[in-house]
Amino acid sequence: MPDTRRHRGPHAHDAEWFGAEVERALRTAVSELSWLLGRGYAPDSALKLVGDRHALTARQRQALRRGACSDADRDARALRRLPVPPAVPRLAVDGYNVLITVESALSGALVLDCRDGACRDLASLHGTWRRVDETARAVSRVGAVCDAWGLGAACWYLDRPVSNSGRLAALLTRELASQRCLHTVSLSDNPDRELVALGLPVASSDSWVLDRAPAWVDLPGAVIDAHVPGAWRLALGA
């Protein structure tokens, strides 16, 4: 069945699964999972242990997986995290990672302020990207923040194997052409490695990238702070 969704909005049960009455339990679960990860437990086994202990749903476990990290990973990422605005001339942008988080916030979906300081969403691509009603606004707001930061260039990378990546590349090139910051868009079979290999600060919340990039900045979080003040955010690192 084709995907006909026009938004990246919340799941029908998110208000129940992530409401105020369960926030404390979720933060406790994040803390417990982080403790296990810091002591060498396998991530999948540790997630099952903590998820079963708190009787979490699959979607709550997805949030737990994205929100938790070991103390060592948290501290190492904090050392390389740039302040906002970052005093850098160029930035490498993890395209889908950044765009979908901003789209999610604009559509009223939950976004997670995670233990390592990164802002993450609960959306999934499943090998195909499709434009939603919030896409153009999300692109415009990312561009506005890049201009406000005084960036000279933003180098976007998209996953070539994801369907419709070419269409998104064309949309980004068209919508960002009038910005002061020069935006370039590249399709890559392995964008994570290329992002790291550039040697530039990166805008990404991908853990693999954050652990290998020379520096990183929470671009989605900054866009949401500036342009989506009413976004639904859950702090999992508190």
Foldseek 3Di string as FASTA:
>chain_A
DDDPAQALEADPCCCVQPPPVCQVVLLVLQVQLQCCVQVPDDNVVSLVVSCVVSVHDPLSSLVSSLAHHHPVLLVVLVVQEADPPHPDQEEEEAPVQQQVLLRHQVNQHEWECHQSRAIGGSDDQVQEDDHHPCRLVSLVLLLVSCVVSVHQEYEYEDAQSRPCPVVVQVVSCVSNVPGNHHYHYDYDNDVLVVNQVVQHEYAHSPSVSSVRHNHYYRSNVVSCVVPVVPGRYRYSND
